[in-house]
Amino acid sequence: MKVKPLGDRILVQRLEEDGVKKGGIIIPDTAKEKPMQAKVIEVGPGKRNEDGKLIPLEVKKGDTVLIGKYAGNEVTVNDKEYLILREEDVLAVVS
């Protein structure tokens, strides 16, 4: 199954963080915070302005982005977890 976001929405997959902190302490899965970095899997066509003109998105497929901890809606497709969120929920593009 393929998912194509609509409008100014993007489909991202959270990037897993390493489970070991600097002091060598291993953090169990139940105590981990949600990762804030994600990879853009698919993007929608863009947002329309008041005149009906299509404004393309700034992020593109393959970008690594910073997102809020609780941003977007979680969806599961083919046993993989993704987030669908609006472009305005993206905090920054990591380069």
N, C-alpha and C. Protein backbone atom coordinates (compact mmCIF):
# COMPACT_ATOMS: atom_id res chain seq x y z
N MET A 1 0.84 -1.17 0.00
CA MET A 1 0.00 0.00 0.00
C MET A 1 0.89 1.24 0.00
N LYS A 2 0.51 2.23 -0.79
CA LYS A 2 1.26 3.48 -0.85
C LYS A 2 0.39 4.60 -0.30
N VAL A 3 0.98 5.49 0.46
CA VAL A 3 0.26 6.61 1.07
C VAL A 3 0.74 7.91 0.43
N LYS A 4 -0.18 8.70 -0.08
CA LYS A 4 0.13 10.01 -0.66
C LYS A 4 -0.61 11.07 0.15
N PRO A 5 0.12 11.90 0.91
CA PRO A 5 -0.54 12.96 1.70
C PRO A 5 -1.23 13.98 0.81
N LEU A 6 -2.26 14.60 1.34
CA LEU A 6 -3.00 15.63 0.61
C LEU A 6 -2.62 17.01 1.11
N GLY A 7 -2.79 18.00 0.25
CA GLY A 7 -2.56 19.40 0.64
C GLY A 7 -1.14 19.65 1.12
N ASP A 8 -1.02 20.33 2.26
CA ASP A 8 0.30 20.69 2.79
C ASP A 8 0.77 19.70 3.85
N ARG A 9 0.31 18.47 3.77
CA ARG A 9 0.71 17.44 4.74
C ARG A 9 1.89 16.65 4.21
N ILE A 10 2.67 16.12 5.17
CA ILE A 10 3.82 15.29 4.82
C ILE A 10 3.78 14.01 5.64
N LEU A 11 4.34 12.95 5.09
CA LEU A 11 4.44 11.65 5.76
C LEU A 11 5.89 11.48 6.18
N VAL A 12 6.12 11.29 7.49
CA VAL A 12 7.49 11.14 8.00
C VAL A 12 7.58 9.88 8.84
N GLN A 13 8.81 9.41 8.99
CA GLN A 13 9.10 8.29 9.87
C GLN A 13 10.14 8.76 10.88
N ARG A 14 9.82 8.59 12.16
CA ARG A 14 10.75 9.01 13.21
C ARG A 14 12.04 8.22 13.11
N LEU A 15 13.17 8.90 13.34
CA LEU A 15 14.47 8.24 13.34
C LEU A 15 14.76 7.79 14.77
N GLU A 16 15.14 6.55 14.93
CA GLU A 16 15.41 6.00 16.25
C GLU A 16 16.70 6.58 16.80
N GLU A 17 16.66 6.94 18.09
CA GLU A 17 17.85 7.44 18.75
C GLU A 17 18.56 6.29 19.44
N ASP A 18 19.84 6.46 19.67
CA ASP A 18 20.64 5.46 20.37
C ASP A 18 20.14 5.32 21.80
N GLY A 19 20.07 4.10 22.31
CA GLY A 19 19.54 3.84 23.64
C GLY A 19 20.56 4.00 24.75
N VAL A 20 21.78 4.45 24.44
CA VAL A 20 22.82 4.61 25.47
C VAL A 20 23.18 6.08 25.58
N LYS A 21 23.19 6.60 26.79
CA LYS A 21 23.57 7.99 27.03
C LYS A 21 25.08 8.10 27.22
N LYS A 22 25.60 9.32 27.39
CA LYS A 22 27.04 9.56 27.47
C LYS A 22 27.72 8.80 28.59
N GLY A 23 27.09 8.64 29.72
CA GLY A 23 27.71 7.95 30.86
C GLY A 23 27.66 6.44 30.75
N GLY A 24 27.14 5.91 29.63
CA GLY A 24 27.04 4.48 29.45
C GLY A 24 25.76 3.91 30.03
N ILE A 25 24.84 4.79 30.45
CA ILE A 25 23.57 4.35 31.02
C ILE A 25 22.65 3.94 29.89
N ILE A 26 22.06 2.77 30.01
CA ILE A 26 21.12 2.28 29.01
C ILE A 26 19.71 2.66 29.45
N ILE A 27 18.99 3.31 28.56
CA ILE A 27 17.63 3.77 28.85
C ILE A 27 16.64 2.74 28.31
N PRO A 28 15.74 2.21 29.16
CA PRO A 28 14.75 1.25 28.67
C PRO A 28 13.74 1.92 27.74
N ASP A 29 13.10 1.13 26.87
CA ASP A 29 12.14 1.65 25.91
C ASP A 29 11.01 2.42 26.56
N THR A 30 10.57 2.01 27.72
CA THR A 30 9.44 2.67 28.38
C THR A 30 9.78 4.06 28.89
N ALA A 31 11.07 4.35 29.10
CA ALA A 31 11.48 5.66 29.63
C ALA A 31 11.99 6.60 28.55
N LYS A 32 12.09 6.13 27.32
CA LYS A 32 12.61 6.97 26.24
C LYS A 32 11.58 8.01 25.82
N GLU A 33 12.10 9.18 25.45
CA GLU A 33 11.24 10.21 24.88
C GLU A 33 11.11 9.94 23.39
N LYS A 34 10.05 10.48 22.79
CA LYS A 34 9.86 10.32 21.36
C LYS A 34 10.96 11.08 20.63
N PRO A 35 11.55 10.48 19.59
CA PRO A 35 12.60 11.19 18.85
C PRO A 35 12.03 12.42 18.13
N MET A 36 12.86 13.43 18.03
CA MET A 36 12.42 14.67 17.40
C MET A 36 12.90 14.77 15.96
N GLN A 37 13.75 13.85 15.52
CA GLN A 37 14.20 13.85 14.13
C GLN A 37 13.39 12.82 13.35
N ALA A 38 13.08 13.18 12.11
CA ALA A 38 12.30 12.29 11.27
C ALA A 38 12.76 12.43 9.83
N LYS A 39 12.53 11.37 9.06
CA LYS A 39 12.86 11.40 7.64
C LYS A 39 11.56 11.55 6.86
N VAL A 40 11.56 12.46 5.88
CA VAL A 40 10.37 12.70 5.06
C VAL A 40 10.26 11.56 4.04
N ILE A 41 9.14 10.85 4.09
CA ILE A 41 8.90 9.72 3.19
C ILE A 41 8.14 10.16 1.95
N GLU A 42 7.13 11.01 2.14
CA GLU A 42 6.29 11.47 1.03
C GLU A 42 5.74 12.85 1.37
N VAL A 43 5.50 13.68 0.35
CA VAL A 43 4.95 15.02 0.57
C VAL A 43 3.71 15.21 -0.30
N GLY A 44 2.82 16.06 0.19
CA GLY A 44 1.63 16.41 -0.58
C GLY A 44 1.97 17.45 -1.64
N PRO A 45 1.00 17.82 -2.47
CA PRO A 45 1.27 18.76 -3.57
C PRO A 45 1.51 20.19 -3.11
N GLY A 46 0.99 20.58 -1.96
CA GLY A 46 1.17 21.95 -1.47
C GLY A 46 -0.14 22.54 -1.01
N LYS A 47 -0.07 23.78 -0.59
CA LYS A 47 -1.23 24.48 -0.05
C LYS A 47 -1.71 25.51 -1.08
N ARG A 48 -3.01 25.72 -1.13
CA ARG A 48 -3.57 26.72 -2.04
C ARG A 48 -3.80 28.02 -1.28
N ASN A 49 -3.45 29.15 -1.92
CA ASN A 49 -3.69 30.45 -1.29
C ASN A 49 -5.12 30.91 -1.60
N GLU A 50 -5.46 32.11 -1.20
CA GLU A 50 -6.83 32.62 -1.38
C GLU A 50 -7.24 32.74 -2.84
N ASP A 51 -6.26 32.91 -3.73
CA ASP A 51 -6.55 33.03 -5.17
C ASP A 51 -6.63 31.67 -5.85
N GLY A 52 -6.36 30.59 -5.11
CA GLY A 52 -6.40 29.25 -5.68
C GLY A 52 -5.07 28.80 -6.26
N LYS A 53 -4.04 29.64 -6.13
CA LYS A 53 -2.72 29.29 -6.66
C LYS A 53 -2.05 28.29 -5.72
N LEU A 54 -1.44 27.26 -6.29
CA LEU A 54 -0.77 26.23 -5.50
C LEU A 54 0.60 26.71 -5.04
N ILE A 55 0.84 26.64 -3.72
CA ILE A 55 2.13 27.02 -3.15
C ILE A 55 2.84 25.72 -2.78
N PRO A 56 3.93 25.37 -3.48
CA PRO A 56 4.62 24.11 -3.19
C PRO A 56 5.27 24.11 -1.81
N LEU A 57 5.48 22.91 -1.27
CA LEU A 57 6.10 22.76 0.04
C LEU A 57 7.60 23.01 -0.02
N GLU A 58 8.15 23.48 1.10
CA GLU A 58 9.59 23.71 1.17
C GLU A 58 10.37 22.44 1.44
N VAL A 59 9.77 21.50 2.18
CA VAL A 59 10.44 20.23 2.45
C VAL A 59 10.21 19.30 1.27
N LYS A 60 11.14 18.38 1.08
CA LYS A 60 11.01 17.43 -0.03
C LYS A 60 11.31 16.02 0.46
N LYS A 61 10.93 15.08 -0.33
CA LYS A 61 11.13 13.67 -0.01
C LYS A 61 12.62 13.40 0.24
N GLY A 62 12.92 12.71 1.33
CA GLY A 62 14.30 12.39 1.67
C GLY A 62 14.94 13.33 2.67
N ASP A 63 14.33 14.49 2.93
CA ASP A 63 14.86 15.44 3.92
C ASP A 63 14.80 14.86 5.33
N THR A 64 15.74 15.25 6.17
CA THR A 64 15.68 14.96 7.60
C THR A 64 15.23 16.23 8.29
N VAL A 65 14.17 16.12 9.09
CA VAL A 65 13.56 17.30 9.69
C VAL A 65 13.46 17.14 11.21
N LEU A 66 13.34 18.28 11.89
CA LEU A 66 13.06 18.30 13.32
C LEU A 66 11.58 18.59 13.50
N ILE A 67 10.92 17.79 14.34
CA ILE A 67 9.50 17.96 14.59
C ILE A 67 9.26 18.02 16.09
N GLY A 68 8.10 18.51 16.48
CA GLY A 68 7.73 18.53 17.89
C GLY A 68 7.48 17.13 18.40
N LYS A 69 7.64 16.93 19.71
CA LYS A 69 7.49 15.60 20.30
C LYS A 69 6.11 15.02 20.06
N TYR A 70 5.10 15.85 20.09
CA TYR A 70 3.73 15.35 19.99
C TYR A 70 3.03 15.85 18.73
N ALA A 71 3.79 16.19 17.71
CA ALA A 71 3.23 16.71 16.47
C ALA A 71 2.66 15.58 15.62
N GLY A 72 1.64 15.89 14.85
CA GLY A 72 1.11 14.97 13.86
C GLY A 72 0.22 13.87 14.39
N ASN A 73 -0.23 13.04 13.48
CA ASN A 73 -1.08 11.89 13.77
C ASN A 73 -0.33 10.62 13.40
N GLU A 74 -0.28 9.68 14.33
CA GLU A 74 0.42 8.43 14.07
C GLU A 74 -0.46 7.50 13.25
N VAL A 75 0.14 6.88 12.23
CA VAL A 75 -0.55 5.89 11.41
C VAL A 75 0.38 4.69 11.23
N THR A 76 -0.22 3.53 11.02
CA THR A 76 0.56 2.31 10.76
C THR A 76 0.20 1.80 9.38
N VAL A 77 1.21 1.63 8.54
CA VAL A 77 1.03 1.13 7.19
C VAL A 77 2.02 0.00 6.98
N ASN A 78 1.53 -1.18 6.61
CA ASN A 78 2.38 -2.35 6.39
C ASN A 78 3.29 -2.62 7.59
N ASP A 79 2.73 -2.53 8.79
CA ASP A 79 3.43 -2.80 10.05
C ASP A 79 4.57 -1.82 10.34
N LYS A 80 4.57 -0.67 9.69
CA LYS A 80 5.55 0.38 9.99
C LYS A 80 4.80 1.59 10.51
N GLU A 81 5.39 2.27 11.50
CA GLU A 81 4.74 3.44 12.08
C GLU A 81 5.25 4.72 11.42
N TYR A 82 4.31 5.58 11.06
CA TYR A 82 4.60 6.85 10.42
C TYR A 82 3.83 7.96 11.13
N LEU A 83 4.15 9.18 10.79
CA LEU A 83 3.41 10.36 11.24
C LEU A 83 2.95 11.14 10.02
N ILE A 84 1.73 11.63 10.07
CA ILE A 84 1.27 12.57 9.05
C ILE A 84 1.10 13.90 9.75
N LEU A 85 1.78 14.92 9.24
CA LEU A 85 1.70 16.24 9.86
C LEU A 85 1.72 17.32 8.80
N ARG A 86 1.31 18.49 9.21
CA ARG A 86 1.35 19.64 8.29
C ARG A 86 2.76 20.19 8.22
N GLU A 87 3.06 20.85 7.13
CA GLU A 87 4.40 21.43 6.97
C GLU A 87 4.68 22.44 8.07
N GLU A 88 3.68 23.13 8.56
CA GLU A 88 3.89 24.12 9.62
C GLU A 88 4.32 23.48 10.93
N ASP A 89 4.13 22.16 11.10
CA ASP A 89 4.58 21.46 12.31
C ASP A 89 6.07 21.10 12.25
N VAL A 90 6.69 21.28 11.09
CA VAL A 90 8.13 21.03 10.95
C VAL A 90 8.87 22.24 11.51
N LEU A 91 9.79 21.97 12.44
CA LEU A 91 10.55 23.05 13.07
C LEU A 91 11.75 23.48 12.25
N ALA A 92 12.44 22.51 11.61
CA ALA A 92 13.63 22.83 10.82
C ALA A 92 14.00 21.65 9.94
N VAL A 93 14.77 21.94 8.90
CA VAL A 93 15.35 20.90 8.04
C VAL A 93 16.80 20.75 8.45
N VAL A 94 17.23 19.52 8.72
CA VAL A 94 18.60 19.25 9.14
C VAL A 94 19.43 18.95 7.89
N SER A 95 20.57 19.63 7.77
CA SER A 95 21.44 19.37 6.60
C SER A 95 22.80 18.90 7.04
